[in-house]
Amino acid sequence: MLSNTSALTLSLKEKLDFIPALASIVLAAFCSILTGLWRTERQAQSFFLHIGYAIFRKATSRLSPLQMQAVMPTTNKIYEQYIKKTRQLPDTVNLGNGALGHWVGDKNAENVLVWYHGGGFSLPANLGYFNFFERVIEDMRKAGKSICVFSLTYTLAPHATYPTQLRQAVECLRHVLEKPTHAPRNVFIGGDSAGGNLVGGVLSHIAHPHPQITPLSVDENLGGAIMVAPWTMLETDFTGQDIYAGGDLITTAVAGPWAGAYLGSAKRDYYTDLSLAPTDWYHDFKVNSVLITGGGNEILLPIIQDFAAKFQAGFSPVELFIGRRECHVAPIYNLYIGDQTETQQGKRMKEWLRENL
């Protein structure tokens, strides 16, 4: 099976750095245990999540994208583990350009949710994603709706840089739309964090073809688009901004490394930073409706709210839903660390899908 990384490897210095990095992560976990009994509204709802968020916060701020990739299984490996665990037959498609697509559920279902995973373009999808897909499919089944998921494995940064991941996301959707069983109105696209960025980039490309990517013609609107905690502004300077990261998964420390790894030598534009686009950029988006969600405790919340307001000014209907005391991509990360509690964002997303299928 193809890998979603290339030949970039860690230097000896980066390998040795794992020792002090691990020590700092353990210390962060210990400190979170001591402070977790006195949580405020701006921190995690449970003691367990408080510790999990602190560990991930320290790991992502302390380790480089390449170091994180070295200790995390690839998206493809995670898919294989999920398929084996659930006793399903694997169904993986080579999309070209270094990308793979993984089917979850019955690919002949009436509706398809194409999903672009998050992780700052630098981290692979974890098992929480596939557990979340399973929940969505089962919830729709109970509601008498038929849906499957087609999940993209794109090339992680810095192994490839923009616009590679956007091109792969476009080809992923193109593959689904070319199947005669799936009309555009039955195809939904979704993504979280960096994956939400790709959702915006794909919608932008359909309406305003990217000069480096083959146009994608859609003869009718897509069924809908879901953007969970979308990272739509690759800003790296937060001077003077009042940002509290104690209740979130990530800190502003990841912005520079992750944005830099994704952009490489490219300059930011409306495809990388949809928040910067003028309102008329959204007018011709070929989608019936859009749901944007965010966590009340995440550091991206001001950016998400500003982005949603601009989107709503240029396109309708767009709904913004905020989950109280929830972190960045809570519907997926909480499952990843073992918390099975339904998140407000996850619940609203499934309600929205039932309403729009």
Protein backbone atom coordinates (compact mmCIF):
# COMPACT_ATOMS: atom_id res chain seq x y z
CA MET A 1 0.00 0.00 0.00
CA LEU A 2 1.25 3.48 -0.78
CA SER A 3 2.59 5.62 2.02
CA ASN A 4 1.34 9.11 2.73
CA THR A 5 4.90 10.32 3.35
CA SER A 6 8.08 10.41 1.29
CA ALA A 7 11.77 10.04 2.06
CA LEU A 8 12.22 12.88 4.57
CA THR A 9 13.69 11.45 7.77
CA LEU A 10 14.68 12.63 11.22
CA SER A 11 18.19 13.86 11.90
CA LEU A 12 20.22 12.40 14.75
CA LYS A 13 19.59 15.57 16.75
CA GLU A 14 15.81 15.21 16.27
CA LYS A 15 15.97 11.57 17.36
CA LEU A 16 17.94 12.39 20.51
CA ASP A 17 15.51 15.21 21.23
CA PHE A 18 12.80 12.64 21.97
CA ILE A 19 14.35 12.07 25.41
CA PRO A 20 13.88 15.61 26.81
CA ALA A 21 10.62 15.94 24.85
CA LEU A 22 9.19 12.84 26.53
CA ALA A 23 10.26 14.15 29.91
CA SER A 24 8.43 17.45 29.28
CA ILE A 25 5.29 15.58 28.18
CA VAL A 26 5.32 13.42 31.32
CA LEU A 27 5.77 16.55 33.43
CA ALA A 28 2.83 18.22 31.66
CA ALA A 29 0.67 15.17 32.36
CA PHE A 30 1.66 15.21 36.04
CA CYS A 31 0.90 18.93 36.35
CA SER A 32 -2.49 18.43 34.70
CA ILE A 33 -3.35 15.79 37.32
CA LEU A 34 -2.56 18.26 40.09
CA THR A 35 -4.55 21.10 38.50
CA GLY A 36 -7.41 19.06 37.07
CA LEU A 37 -9.49 19.01 40.24
CA TRP A 38 -10.02 22.79 40.08
CA ARG A 39 -11.19 23.36 36.53
CA THR A 40 -12.96 26.47 35.29
CA GLU A 41 -15.47 27.02 32.47
CA ARG A 42 -12.53 27.65 30.15
CA GLN A 43 -11.13 24.18 30.76
CA ALA A 44 -12.21 20.64 29.86
CA GLN A 45 -15.50 19.32 31.18
CA SER A 46 -13.97 16.18 32.70
CA PHE A 47 -10.80 15.34 34.62
CA PHE A 48 -9.92 12.69 32.02
CA LEU A 49 -10.20 15.11 29.10
CA HIS A 50 -8.24 17.74 31.01
CA ILE A 51 -5.26 15.37 31.23
CA GLY A 52 -5.62 14.18 27.62
CA TYR A 53 -5.70 17.72 26.28
CA ALA A 54 -2.63 18.71 28.33
CA ILE A 55 -0.62 15.80 26.94
CA PHE A 56 -1.54 16.53 23.32
CA ARG A 57 -0.95 20.25 23.84
CA LYS A 58 2.57 19.64 25.09
CA ALA A 59 3.37 16.96 22.48
CA THR A 60 2.34 19.11 19.51
CA SER A 61 4.05 22.24 20.78
CA ARG A 62 7.24 20.40 21.76
CA LEU A 63 7.70 18.09 18.74
CA SER A 64 8.16 18.99 15.08
CA PRO A 65 5.80 17.66 12.37
CA LEU A 66 8.41 15.07 11.36
CA GLN A 67 8.91 13.97 14.97
CA MET A 68 5.15 13.58 15.45
CA GLN A 69 4.91 11.52 12.27
CA ALA A 70 7.75 9.28 13.45
CA VAL A 71 5.76 8.16 16.50
CA MET A 72 2.27 8.03 14.98
CA PRO A 73 0.92 5.27 12.69
CA THR A 74 0.09 6.41 9.17
CA THR A 75 -3.50 6.98 8.14
CA ASN A 76 -3.32 3.86 5.99
CA LYS A 77 -2.17 1.73 8.94
CA ILE A 78 -4.96 3.12 11.09
CA TYR A 79 -7.50 2.25 8.39
CA GLU A 80 -6.14 -1.30 8.23
CA GLN A 81 -6.42 -1.62 12.03
CA TYR A 82 -9.99 -0.31 11.98
CA ILE A 83 -11.06 -2.67 9.19
CA LYS A 84 -9.52 -5.65 10.97
CA LYS A 85 -11.11 -4.67 14.29
CA THR A 86 -14.58 -4.26 12.77
CA ARG A 87 -14.22 -7.33 10.51
CA GLN A 88 -14.98 -5.43 7.35
CA LEU A 89 -13.45 -5.90 3.94
CA PRO A 90 -10.88 -3.20 3.10
CA ASP A 91 -11.68 -1.06 0.09
CA THR A 92 -8.91 1.37 -0.82
CA VAL A 93 -8.65 3.36 -4.04
CA ASN A 94 -5.46 4.74 -5.56
CA LEU A 95 -6.49 8.26 -6.54
CA GLY A 96 -3.20 9.16 -8.19
CA ASN A 97 -0.94 12.05 -7.24
CA GLY A 98 0.12 10.08 -4.14
CA ALA A 99 -3.37 10.02 -2.60
CA LEU A 100 -5.55 7.14 -1.41
CA GLY A 101 -9.24 6.96 -0.62
CA HIS A 102 -10.68 4.56 1.97
CA TRP A 103 -14.30 3.44 1.91
CA VAL A 104 -16.06 3.01 5.25
CA GLY A 105 -19.49 1.37 5.17
CA ASP A 106 -21.37 0.31 2.04
CA LYS A 107 -19.95 2.33 -0.85
CA ASN A 108 -23.22 1.77 -2.73
CA ALA A 109 -25.15 3.71 -0.10
CA GLU A 110 -27.43 6.42 -1.45
CA ASN A 111 -25.34 9.21 0.09
CA VAL A 112 -21.60 9.70 0.44
CA LEU A 113 -19.68 11.81 2.92
CA VAL A 114 -16.21 12.63 1.56
CA TRP A 115 -13.98 13.42 4.54
CA TYR A 116 -10.69 15.32 4.74
CA HIS A 117 -8.94 14.73 8.07
CA GLY A 118 -7.23 17.41 10.12
CA GLY A 119 -3.91 17.57 11.89
CA GLY A 120 -2.37 20.77 10.59
CA PHE A 121 -1.67 19.02 7.26
CA SER A 122 1.17 17.35 9.19
CA LEU A 123 -0.47 14.64 11.32
CA PRO A 124 -2.14 11.43 10.09
CA ALA A 125 -5.73 10.50 10.85
CA ASN A 126 -6.13 8.59 14.11
CA LEU A 127 -8.58 5.86 15.07
CA GLY A 128 -10.98 8.49 16.43
CA TYR A 129 -11.86 9.42 12.85
CA PHE A 130 -12.97 5.94 11.84
CA ASN A 131 -14.88 5.47 15.09
CA PHE A 132 -16.62 8.76 14.36
CA PHE A 133 -17.46 7.69 10.81
CA GLU A 134 -18.94 4.49 12.21
CA ARG A 135 -21.13 6.48 14.59
CA VAL A 136 -22.34 8.73 11.79
CA ILE A 137 -23.22 5.79 9.55
CA GLU A 138 -25.05 3.99 12.35
CA ASP A 139 -26.95 7.12 13.41
CA MET A 140 -28.11 7.68 9.84
CA ARG A 141 -29.13 4.01 9.55
CA LYS A 142 -31.31 4.32 12.66
CA ALA A 143 -32.93 7.38 11.09
CA GLY A 144 -33.66 5.45 7.90
CA LYS A 145 -30.91 7.22 5.96
CA SER A 146 -28.24 5.52 3.88
CA ILE A 147 -24.71 6.95 3.91
CA CYS A 148 -21.09 5.83 3.62
CA VAL A 149 -17.80 7.65 4.08
CA PHE A 150 -14.91 8.06 1.63
CA SER A 151 -11.88 9.21 3.63
CA LEU A 152 -8.87 10.77 1.93
CA THR A 153 -5.27 9.93 2.79
CA TYR A 154 -3.31 12.92 1.51
CA THR A 155 0.45 13.44 1.51
CA LEU A 156 1.48 14.96 4.81
CA ALA A 157 3.50 18.16 5.00
CA PRO A 158 6.43 18.74 4.70
CA HIS A 159 6.78 15.69 2.43
CA ALA A 160 4.67 17.66 -0.04
CA THR A 161 3.47 21.24 0.14
CA TYR A 162 0.57 23.35 -1.11
CA PRO A 163 -1.18 22.92 -3.50
CA THR A 164 -0.53 19.15 -3.42
CA GLN A 165 -3.02 18.42 -0.64
CA LEU A 166 -5.71 20.57 -2.27
CA ARG A 167 -5.14 18.79 -5.59
CA GLN A 168 -5.52 15.44 -3.83
CA ALA A 169 -8.71 16.60 -2.12
CA VAL A 170 -10.16 17.68 -5.48
CA GLU A 171 -9.27 14.33 -7.06
CA CYS A 172 -10.88 12.53 -4.13
CA LEU A 173 -14.18 14.30 -4.76
CA ARG A 174 -13.81 13.87 -8.53
CA HIS A 175 -13.52 10.09 -8.06
CA VAL A 176 -16.79 9.96 -6.12
CA LEU A 177 -18.65 12.23 -8.53
CA GLU A 178 -17.57 10.13 -11.49
CA LYS A 179 -19.36 7.11 -10.06
CA PRO A 180 -22.79 6.90 -11.74
CA THR A 181 -24.43 5.85 -8.46
CA HIS A 182 -23.67 9.15 -6.73
CA ALA A 183 -25.31 12.33 -8.01
CA PRO A 184 -23.80 15.58 -6.66
CA ARG A 185 -26.90 16.26 -4.55
CA ASN A 186 -26.17 13.01 -2.66
CA VAL A 187 -22.51 13.85 -2.08
CA PHE A 188 -21.43 15.75 1.02
CA ILE A 189 -17.92 16.97 1.79
CA GLY A 190 -16.59 17.43 5.29
CA GLY A 191 -13.39 18.02 7.18
CA ASP A 192 -11.98 19.13 10.49
CA SER A 193 -9.28 21.74 11.17
CA ALA A 194 -6.88 21.48 8.21
CA GLY A 195 -9.48 19.22 6.61
CA GLY A 196 -11.98 22.05 7.00
CA ASN A 197 -9.47 24.22 5.18
CA LEU A 198 -9.52 21.67 2.34
CA VAL A 199 -13.33 21.74 2.25
CA GLY A 200 -13.14 25.50 1.68
CA GLY A 201 -10.38 25.04 -0.86
CA VAL A 202 -12.36 22.46 -2.83
CA LEU A 203 -15.50 24.63 -2.88
CA SER A 204 -13.31 27.54 -3.97
CA HIS A 205 -11.71 25.47 -6.73
CA ILE A 206 -15.08 24.38 -8.13
CA ALA A 207 -16.24 28.00 -8.30
CA HIS A 208 -12.85 29.58 -9.13
CA PRO A 209 -10.50 26.96 -10.64
CA HIS A 210 -7.02 26.98 -9.15
CA PRO A 211 -4.46 27.65 -11.90
CA GLN A 212 -2.37 24.60 -10.90
CA ILE A 213 -5.24 22.12 -10.52
CA THR A 214 -7.48 20.57 -13.18
CA PRO A 215 -10.94 22.19 -13.02
CA LEU A 216 -13.79 20.18 -11.50
CA SER A 217 -17.11 20.79 -13.20
CA VAL A 218 -20.23 20.06 -11.13
CA ASP A 219 -23.56 20.22 -12.97
CA GLU A 220 -25.63 20.61 -9.78
CA ASN A 221 -24.97 21.57 -6.18
CA LEU A 222 -23.33 19.18 -3.76
CA GLY A 223 -25.66 18.07 -0.97
CA GLY A 224 -23.79 20.01 1.70
CA ALA A 225 -20.50 20.81 3.37
CA ILE A 226 -19.38 20.36 6.97
CA MET A 227 -16.45 22.29 8.44
CA VAL A 228 -15.52 21.21 11.97
CA ALA A 229 -13.23 23.78 13.60
CA PRO A 230 -11.91 24.88 10.19
CA TRP A 231 -8.40 26.33 10.07
CA THR A 232 -9.06 29.00 7.48
CA MET A 233 -6.38 31.56 8.35
CA LEU A 234 -2.75 30.44 8.48
CA GLU A 235 -1.68 33.29 10.73
CA THR A 236 1.43 32.78 12.84
CA ASP A 237 1.70 36.10 14.72
CA PHE A 238 -0.69 36.46 17.65
CA THR A 239 0.94 39.48 19.27
CA GLY A 240 -1.52 41.44 21.39
CA GLN A 241 -4.28 38.84 21.16
CA ASP A 242 -5.85 37.47 24.35
CA ILE A 243 -5.69 33.72 23.70
CA TYR A 244 -6.21 31.21 26.50
CA ALA A 245 -5.13 27.69 25.52
CA GLY A 246 -5.71 25.93 28.84
CA GLY A 247 -8.91 24.28 27.65
CA ASP A 248 -7.84 23.31 24.15
CA LEU A 249 -5.78 20.64 22.42
CA ILE A 250 -3.38 23.02 20.75
CA THR A 251 -1.55 26.27 21.40
CA THR A 252 -0.39 29.06 19.13
CA ALA A 253 3.06 27.37 19.14
CA VAL A 254 1.91 24.96 16.41
CA ALA A 255 0.84 27.68 13.98
CA GLY A 256 4.31 28.50 12.67
CA PRO A 257 5.63 24.93 12.21
CA TRP A 258 2.40 23.56 10.73
CA ALA A 259 1.63 26.49 8.43
CA GLY A 260 5.24 26.63 7.31
CA ALA A 261 5.35 22.89 6.59
CA TYR A 262 2.18 23.15 4.50
CA LEU A 263 3.00 26.30 2.57
CA GLY A 264 6.66 25.61 1.89
CA SER A 265 7.73 28.35 -0.51
CA ALA A 266 4.15 29.15 -1.60
CA LYS A 267 2.36 32.34 -0.65
CA ARG A 268 -0.98 32.41 1.14
CA ASP A 269 -4.05 32.96 -1.03
CA TYR A 270 -7.82 32.51 -0.88
CA TYR A 271 -7.47 28.72 -1.21
CA THR A 272 -5.15 28.46 1.80
CA ASP A 273 -6.81 31.29 3.78
CA LEU A 274 -10.51 31.37 2.95
CA SER A 275 -11.00 33.85 5.80
CA LEU A 276 -9.19 36.46 3.69
CA ALA A 277 -11.45 36.09 0.64
CA PRO A 278 -13.98 38.85 -0.15
CA THR A 279 -17.63 37.99 0.42
CA ASP A 280 -18.37 37.68 -3.31
CA TRP A 281 -15.83 34.81 -3.49
CA TYR A 282 -18.45 32.61 -1.78
CA HIS A 283 -21.40 33.54 -4.00
CA ASP A 284 -21.00 30.76 -6.57
CA PHE A 285 -20.10 27.89 -4.26
CA LYS A 286 -21.80 24.76 -5.64
CA VAL A 287 -23.30 23.40 -2.44
CA ASN A 288 -26.81 23.41 -0.98
CA SER A 289 -25.90 24.33 2.59
CA VAL A 290 -22.95 24.56 4.98
CA LEU A 291 -22.47 23.71 8.65
CA ILE A 292 -19.55 25.20 10.57
CA THR A 293 -18.85 24.03 14.12
CA GLY A 294 -16.35 25.05 16.76
CA GLY A 295 -15.57 24.50 20.41
CA GLY A 296 -16.27 27.15 23.00
CA ASN A 297 -12.82 26.61 24.52
CA GLU A 298 -10.69 26.41 21.39
CA ILE A 299 -8.07 28.97 20.45
CA LEU A 300 -9.41 29.17 16.87
CA LEU A 301 -12.86 30.29 18.04
CA PRO A 302 -12.44 34.02 17.16
CA ILE A 303 -11.16 33.07 13.69
CA ILE A 304 -14.00 30.58 13.20
CA GLN A 305 -16.62 33.13 14.25
CA ASP A 306 -15.20 35.84 11.96
CA PHE A 307 -14.97 33.35 9.09
CA ALA A 308 -18.57 32.19 9.58
CA ALA A 309 -19.84 35.78 9.60
CA LYS A 310 -18.06 36.52 6.31
CA PHE A 311 -19.28 33.25 4.79
CA GLN A 312 -22.86 34.04 5.83
CA ALA A 313 -22.57 37.49 4.25
CA GLY A 314 -21.58 35.94 0.91
CA PHE A 315 -23.55 32.70 0.84
CA SER A 316 -26.72 31.16 2.28
CA PRO A 317 -27.52 29.02 4.15
CA VAL A 318 -24.51 28.78 6.48
CA GLU A 319 -24.99 27.69 10.09
CA LEU A 320 -22.47 28.24 12.89
CA PHE A 321 -22.72 25.96 15.93
CA ILE A 322 -20.50 26.28 19.01
CA GLY A 323 -20.15 23.44 21.52
CA ARG A 324 -19.95 24.75 25.07
CA ARG A 325 -16.66 23.93 26.85
CA GLU A 326 -15.54 21.81 23.91
CA CYS A 327 -12.06 21.82 22.43
CA HIS A 328 -10.69 21.81 18.91
CA VAL A 329 -12.18 18.90 16.87
CA ALA A 330 -13.72 17.46 20.04
CA PRO A 331 -16.05 15.02 18.17
CA ILE A 332 -12.99 13.15 16.92
CA TYR A 333 -10.22 13.73 19.44
CA ASN A 334 -12.37 12.80 22.43
CA LEU A 335 -13.08 9.43 20.81
CA TYR A 336 -9.38 9.03 20.03
CA ILE A 337 -8.39 9.20 23.69
CA GLY A 338 -11.25 6.97 24.80
CA ASP A 339 -14.04 9.34 25.87
CA GLN A 340 -17.26 7.94 24.40
CA THR A 341 -19.51 10.82 25.52
CA GLU A 342 -21.45 12.41 22.67
CA THR A 343 -20.12 15.90 21.98
CA GLN A 344 -22.45 18.79 21.23
CA GLN A 345 -20.69 19.39 17.92
CA GLY A 346 -20.95 15.74 16.92
CA LYS A 347 -24.62 15.64 17.87
CA ARG A 348 -25.41 18.77 15.85
CA MET A 349 -23.49 17.47 12.86
CA LYS A 350 -25.53 14.27 12.80
CA GLU A 351 -28.76 16.21 13.24
CA TRP A 352 -27.76 18.43 10.33
CA LEU A 353 -27.01 15.43 8.16
CA ARG A 354 -30.41 13.87 8.96
CA GLU A 355 -32.04 17.16 7.99
CA ASN A 356 -30.16 17.42 4.70
CA LEU A 357 -29.98 13.84 3.42
